[in-house]
Amino acid sequence: MVFYTDGLGLEELAFIRLGFKVFKLLVLDGEKKWVQTKDPNVLGGGALLLDDNTSTYVPASDLLGCHPNFMYFVDCCVPGYTHLAGVCLSPYEVDIFHLRDGSFQ
């Protein structure tokens, strides 16, 4: 999540979702290296659950309604702030990022 201020007052501050950069850890000849990937199947059919302090990988089939190769994340909406798409209805919203096409739901 990125703050977009551009001279706006606190009451006008908005959140803009730009996207995610996804990396995978490669181990070659004992050397570890993080490499950015655009592979939509990088999660191997699982899902990634993210919040401010943790990340958890789960097989998508273990959670009812969970889709494979999606990232579910907590979108914190601070009172007084709004999303560009509209007003925040709750302090925490769960949003979804589709690895296949880079879109949000």
N, C-alpha and C. Protein backbone atom coordinates (compact mmCIF):
# COMPACT_ATOMS: atom_id res chain seq x y z
N MET A 1 0.85 -1.16 0.00
CA MET A 1 0.00 0.00 0.00
C MET A 1 0.91 1.23 0.00
N VAL A 2 0.55 2.21 -0.73
CA VAL A 2 1.35 3.42 -0.86
C VAL A 2 0.48 4.62 -0.51
N PHE A 3 1.03 5.53 0.28
CA PHE A 3 0.32 6.77 0.57
C PHE A 3 0.50 7.74 -0.59
N TYR A 4 -0.55 8.37 -0.99
CA TYR A 4 -0.49 9.39 -2.03
C TYR A 4 -0.90 10.69 -1.37
N THR A 5 0.02 11.61 -1.18
CA THR A 5 -0.32 12.85 -0.48
C THR A 5 -0.38 14.03 -1.44
N ASP A 6 0.66 14.26 -2.18
CA ASP A 6 0.70 15.31 -3.20
C ASP A 6 0.04 16.61 -2.75
N GLY A 7 0.37 17.05 -1.54
CA GLY A 7 -0.13 18.33 -1.06
C GLY A 7 -1.54 18.27 -0.48
N LEU A 8 -2.11 17.09 -0.35
CA LEU A 8 -3.45 16.98 0.21
C LEU A 8 -3.40 17.13 1.72
N GLY A 9 -4.47 17.67 2.29
CA GLY A 9 -4.58 17.73 3.74
C GLY A 9 -4.90 16.36 4.30
N LEU A 10 -4.75 16.18 5.61
CA LEU A 10 -4.99 14.90 6.25
C LEU A 10 -6.37 14.36 5.93
N GLU A 11 -7.38 15.22 5.93
CA GLU A 11 -8.75 14.77 5.67
C GLU A 11 -8.96 14.34 4.23
N GLU A 12 -8.02 14.68 3.34
CA GLU A 12 -8.15 14.32 1.93
C GLU A 12 -7.19 13.20 1.53
N LEU A 13 -6.42 12.70 2.51
CA LEU A 13 -5.43 11.69 2.21
C LEU A 13 -6.10 10.43 1.68
N ALA A 14 -5.54 9.85 0.65
CA ALA A 14 -6.14 8.67 0.02
C ALA A 14 -5.09 7.57 -0.14
N PHE A 15 -5.55 6.35 -0.25
CA PHE A 15 -4.70 5.21 -0.53
C PHE A 15 -4.81 4.86 -2.01
N ILE A 16 -3.69 4.50 -2.59
CA ILE A 16 -3.70 4.02 -3.96
C ILE A 16 -3.01 2.66 -3.98
N ARG A 17 -3.66 1.69 -4.56
CA ARG A 17 -3.05 0.37 -4.73
C ARG A 17 -2.28 0.38 -6.03
N LEU A 18 -1.00 0.12 -5.95
CA LEU A 18 -0.18 0.09 -7.15
C LEU A 18 0.05 -1.33 -7.64
N GLY A 19 0.12 -2.28 -6.73
CA GLY A 19 0.36 -3.67 -7.10
C GLY A 19 1.32 -4.33 -6.14
N PHE A 20 1.71 -5.52 -6.48
CA PHE A 20 2.66 -6.29 -5.70
C PHE A 20 3.81 -6.69 -6.61
N LYS A 21 4.99 -6.77 -6.04
CA LYS A 21 6.12 -7.41 -6.69
C LYS A 21 6.31 -8.73 -5.96
N VAL A 22 6.34 -9.82 -6.71
CA VAL A 22 6.43 -11.15 -6.12
C VAL A 22 7.82 -11.71 -6.39
N PHE A 23 8.44 -12.23 -5.33
CA PHE A 23 9.78 -12.80 -5.43
C PHE A 23 9.75 -14.25 -4.96
N LYS A 24 10.65 -15.04 -5.51
CA LYS A 24 10.84 -16.40 -5.01
C LYS A 24 12.32 -16.57 -4.67
N LEU A 25 12.57 -17.44 -3.71
CA LEU A 25 13.93 -17.68 -3.25
C LEU A 25 14.52 -18.84 -4.04
N LEU A 26 15.60 -18.58 -4.74
CA LEU A 26 16.32 -19.62 -5.48
C LEU A 26 17.57 -19.99 -4.70
N VAL A 27 17.87 -21.27 -4.68
CA VAL A 27 19.11 -21.74 -4.07
C VAL A 27 19.90 -22.47 -5.15
N LEU A 28 20.99 -21.87 -5.57
CA LEU A 28 21.84 -22.44 -6.61
C LEU A 28 23.26 -22.60 -6.07
N ASP A 29 23.76 -23.83 -6.09
CA ASP A 29 25.11 -24.12 -5.59
C ASP A 29 25.31 -23.58 -4.18
N GLY A 30 24.29 -23.71 -3.34
CA GLY A 30 24.38 -23.26 -1.96
C GLY A 30 24.17 -21.77 -1.76
N GLU A 31 24.06 -21.03 -2.84
CA GLU A 31 23.83 -19.59 -2.77
C GLU A 31 22.34 -19.29 -2.82
N LYS A 32 21.87 -18.43 -1.93
CA LYS A 32 20.46 -18.04 -1.90
C LYS A 32 20.30 -16.68 -2.58
N LYS A 33 19.27 -16.59 -3.41
CA LYS A 33 19.05 -15.35 -4.13
C LYS A 33 17.56 -15.14 -4.35
N TRP A 34 17.07 -13.93 -4.03
CA TRP A 34 15.67 -13.57 -4.29
C TRP A 34 15.56 -13.07 -5.72
N VAL A 35 14.60 -13.65 -6.46
CA VAL A 35 14.41 -13.31 -7.86
C VAL A 35 12.95 -12.94 -8.08
N GLN A 36 12.73 -11.79 -8.71
CA GLN A 36 11.35 -11.38 -9.00
C GLN A 36 10.76 -12.32 -10.04
N THR A 37 9.49 -12.68 -9.86
CA THR A 37 8.82 -13.57 -10.80
C THR A 37 7.45 -13.03 -11.18
N LYS A 38 7.05 -13.30 -12.38
CA LYS A 38 5.70 -12.97 -12.84
C LYS A 38 4.91 -14.24 -13.14
N ASP A 39 5.43 -15.37 -12.68
CA ASP A 39 4.77 -16.66 -12.87
C ASP A 39 3.48 -16.70 -12.07
N PRO A 40 2.30 -16.80 -12.72
CA PRO A 40 1.04 -16.79 -11.99
C PRO A 40 0.83 -18.03 -11.14
N ASN A 41 1.66 -19.06 -11.34
CA ASN A 41 1.54 -20.30 -10.56
C ASN A 41 2.63 -20.42 -9.51
N VAL A 42 3.27 -19.31 -9.17
CA VAL A 42 4.39 -19.34 -8.24
C VAL A 42 3.98 -19.89 -6.87
N LEU A 43 2.70 -19.79 -6.52
CA LEU A 43 2.23 -20.31 -5.23
C LEU A 43 1.85 -21.78 -5.32
N GLY A 44 2.01 -22.39 -6.47
CA GLY A 44 1.77 -23.82 -6.60
C GLY A 44 0.36 -24.25 -6.25
N GLY A 45 -0.61 -23.42 -6.53
CA GLY A 45 -2.00 -23.76 -6.23
C GLY A 45 -2.43 -23.38 -4.83
N GLY A 46 -1.53 -22.80 -4.07
CA GLY A 46 -1.88 -22.34 -2.72
C GLY A 46 -2.27 -20.88 -2.73
N ALA A 47 -2.47 -20.35 -1.55
CA ALA A 47 -2.82 -18.93 -1.40
C ALA A 47 -1.91 -18.33 -0.34
N LEU A 48 -1.66 -17.05 -0.47
CA LEU A 48 -0.84 -16.33 0.50
C LEU A 48 -1.72 -15.36 1.26
N LEU A 49 -1.70 -15.47 2.59
CA LEU A 49 -2.48 -14.59 3.47
C LEU A 49 -1.53 -13.60 4.10
N LEU A 50 -1.78 -12.31 3.91
CA LEU A 50 -0.86 -11.26 4.36
C LEU A 50 -1.56 -10.27 5.26
N ASP A 51 -0.85 -9.82 6.30
CA ASP A 51 -1.30 -8.65 7.05
C ASP A 51 -0.07 -7.81 7.35
N ASP A 52 -0.18 -6.86 8.24
CA ASP A 52 0.93 -5.94 8.49
C ASP A 52 2.18 -6.63 9.02
N ASN A 53 2.01 -7.73 9.77
CA ASN A 53 3.15 -8.33 10.46
C ASN A 53 3.44 -9.78 10.11
N THR A 54 2.56 -10.43 9.37
CA THR A 54 2.76 -11.85 9.09
C THR A 54 2.36 -12.19 7.67
N SER A 55 2.86 -13.33 7.24
CA SER A 55 2.40 -13.91 5.98
C SER A 55 2.30 -15.42 6.20
N THR A 56 1.26 -16.01 5.64
CA THR A 56 1.02 -17.44 5.81
C THR A 56 0.64 -18.04 4.47
N TYR A 57 1.28 -19.15 4.13
CA TYR A 57 0.93 -19.89 2.92
C TYR A 57 0.01 -21.02 3.32
N VAL A 58 -1.07 -21.21 2.57
CA VAL A 58 -2.00 -22.31 2.83
C VAL A 58 -2.38 -22.96 1.50
N PRO A 59 -2.59 -24.28 1.50
CA PRO A 59 -3.18 -24.90 0.32
C PRO A 59 -4.59 -24.33 0.14
N ALA A 60 -4.91 -23.85 -1.04
CA ALA A 60 -6.21 -23.22 -1.27
C ALA A 60 -7.36 -24.16 -0.95
N SER A 61 -7.16 -25.45 -1.14
CA SER A 61 -8.22 -26.42 -0.88
C SER A 61 -8.51 -26.57 0.62
N ASP A 62 -7.64 -26.06 1.49
CA ASP A 62 -7.85 -26.15 2.94
C ASP A 62 -8.81 -25.10 3.47
N LEU A 63 -9.07 -24.05 2.71
CA LEU A 63 -9.95 -22.97 3.17
C LEU A 63 -11.13 -22.82 2.21
N LEU A 64 -12.32 -22.94 2.74
CA LEU A 64 -13.53 -22.81 1.94
C LEU A 64 -13.58 -21.44 1.26
N GLY A 65 -13.76 -21.40 -0.02
CA GLY A 65 -13.86 -20.15 -0.76
C GLY A 65 -12.53 -19.54 -1.16
N CYS A 66 -11.44 -20.18 -0.77
CA CYS A 66 -10.10 -19.68 -1.09
C CYS A 66 -9.71 -20.17 -2.49
N HIS A 67 -9.15 -19.29 -3.29
CA HIS A 67 -8.79 -19.63 -4.66
C HIS A 67 -7.28 -19.82 -4.78
N PRO A 68 -6.85 -20.76 -5.62
CA PRO A 68 -5.42 -20.99 -5.80
C PRO A 68 -4.74 -19.81 -6.51
N ASN A 69 -3.51 -19.57 -6.10
CA ASN A 69 -2.66 -18.54 -6.70
C ASN A 69 -3.21 -17.13 -6.54
N PHE A 70 -3.89 -16.90 -5.42
CA PHE A 70 -4.37 -15.57 -5.05
C PHE A 70 -3.64 -15.13 -3.78
N MET A 71 -3.50 -13.83 -3.61
CA MET A 71 -2.96 -13.27 -2.38
C MET A 71 -4.08 -12.51 -1.69
N TYR A 72 -4.37 -12.89 -0.45
CA TYR A 72 -5.40 -12.23 0.36
C TYR A 72 -4.67 -11.34 1.35
N PHE A 73 -5.05 -10.08 1.41
CA PHE A 73 -4.33 -9.17 2.30
C PHE A 73 -5.29 -8.23 3.03
N VAL A 74 -4.86 -7.85 4.24
CA VAL A 74 -5.63 -6.90 5.05
C VAL A 74 -5.29 -5.51 4.56
N ASP A 75 -6.31 -4.79 4.18
CA ASP A 75 -6.18 -3.42 3.72
C ASP A 75 -6.67 -2.53 4.86
N CYS A 76 -5.75 -1.97 5.59
CA CYS A 76 -6.09 -1.15 6.75
C CYS A 76 -6.64 0.20 6.28
N CYS A 77 -7.81 0.51 6.73
CA CYS A 77 -8.42 1.79 6.38
C CYS A 77 -8.54 2.61 7.66
N VAL A 78 -7.70 3.58 7.79
CA VAL A 78 -7.66 4.41 8.98
C VAL A 78 -8.83 5.39 8.96
N PRO A 79 -9.56 5.51 10.08
CA PRO A 79 -10.67 6.47 10.10
C PRO A 79 -10.22 7.85 9.65
N GLY A 80 -11.02 8.48 8.81
CA GLY A 80 -10.67 9.79 8.28
C GLY A 80 -10.03 9.71 6.90
N TYR A 81 -9.52 8.53 6.55
CA TYR A 81 -8.95 8.35 5.22
C TYR A 81 -9.99 7.69 4.33
N THR A 82 -9.87 7.88 3.05
CA THR A 82 -10.77 7.22 2.11
C THR A 82 -9.97 6.56 1.01
N HIS A 83 -10.58 5.59 0.38
CA HIS A 83 -9.99 4.99 -0.82
C HIS A 83 -10.42 5.84 -2.00
N LEU A 84 -9.64 5.87 -3.04
CA LEU A 84 -10.02 6.63 -4.22
C LEU A 84 -11.32 6.10 -4.80
N ALA A 85 -11.57 4.79 -4.61
CA ALA A 85 -12.79 4.18 -5.15
C ALA A 85 -14.01 4.48 -4.30
N GLY A 86 -13.83 5.03 -3.12
CA GLY A 86 -14.98 5.31 -2.26
C GLY A 86 -14.59 5.40 -0.81
N VAL A 87 -15.58 5.42 0.03
CA VAL A 87 -15.38 5.58 1.47
C VAL A 87 -15.08 4.23 2.10
N CYS A 88 -14.19 4.20 3.06
CA CYS A 88 -13.87 2.99 3.79
C CYS A 88 -15.02 2.63 4.71
N LEU A 89 -15.51 1.41 4.62
CA LEU A 89 -16.66 1.00 5.42
C LEU A 89 -16.27 0.33 6.72
N SER A 90 -15.07 -0.20 6.82
CA SER A 90 -14.63 -0.81 8.07
C SER A 90 -13.15 -0.52 8.24
N PRO A 91 -12.64 -0.61 9.50
CA PRO A 91 -11.23 -0.32 9.71
C PRO A 91 -10.30 -1.30 8.99
N TYR A 92 -10.75 -2.52 8.80
CA TYR A 92 -9.94 -3.52 8.11
C TYR A 92 -10.79 -4.21 7.06
N GLU A 93 -10.28 -4.24 5.86
CA GLU A 93 -10.96 -4.92 4.76
C GLU A 93 -10.00 -5.96 4.21
N VAL A 94 -10.54 -7.09 3.79
CA VAL A 94 -9.72 -8.11 3.16
C VAL A 94 -9.87 -7.95 1.65
N ASP A 95 -8.75 -7.75 0.99
CA ASP A 95 -8.74 -7.59 -0.45
C ASP A 95 -7.97 -8.75 -1.07
N ILE A 96 -8.14 -8.90 -2.36
CA ILE A 96 -7.55 -10.03 -3.07
C ILE A 96 -6.74 -9.52 -4.26
N PHE A 97 -5.55 -10.09 -4.41
CA PHE A 97 -4.70 -9.79 -5.57
C PHE A 97 -4.60 -11.06 -6.40
N HIS A 98 -4.93 -10.95 -7.68
CA HIS A 98 -4.88 -12.08 -8.60
C HIS A 98 -3.50 -12.12 -9.26
N LEU A 99 -2.75 -13.17 -8.99
CA LEU A 99 -1.43 -13.29 -9.60
C LEU A 99 -1.52 -13.46 -11.12
N ARG A 100 -2.59 -14.07 -11.61
CA ARG A 100 -2.74 -14.35 -13.04
C ARG A 100 -2.67 -13.07 -13.88
N ASP A 101 -3.43 -12.05 -13.45
CA ASP A 101 -3.51 -10.84 -14.29
C ASP A 101 -3.14 -9.55 -13.56
N GLY A 102 -2.73 -9.65 -12.30
CA GLY A 102 -2.31 -8.47 -11.55
C GLY A 102 -3.44 -7.55 -11.13
N SER A 103 -4.66 -8.07 -11.11
CA SER A 103 -5.81 -7.23 -10.74
C SER A 103 -6.18 -7.41 -9.26
N PHE A 104 -6.94 -6.46 -8.76
CA PHE A 104 -7.43 -6.50 -7.38
C PHE A 104 -8.93 -6.75 -7.39
N GLN A 105 -9.39 -7.39 -6.32
CA GLN A 105 -10.82 -7.61 -6.15
C GLN A 105 -11.23 -7.09 -4.79
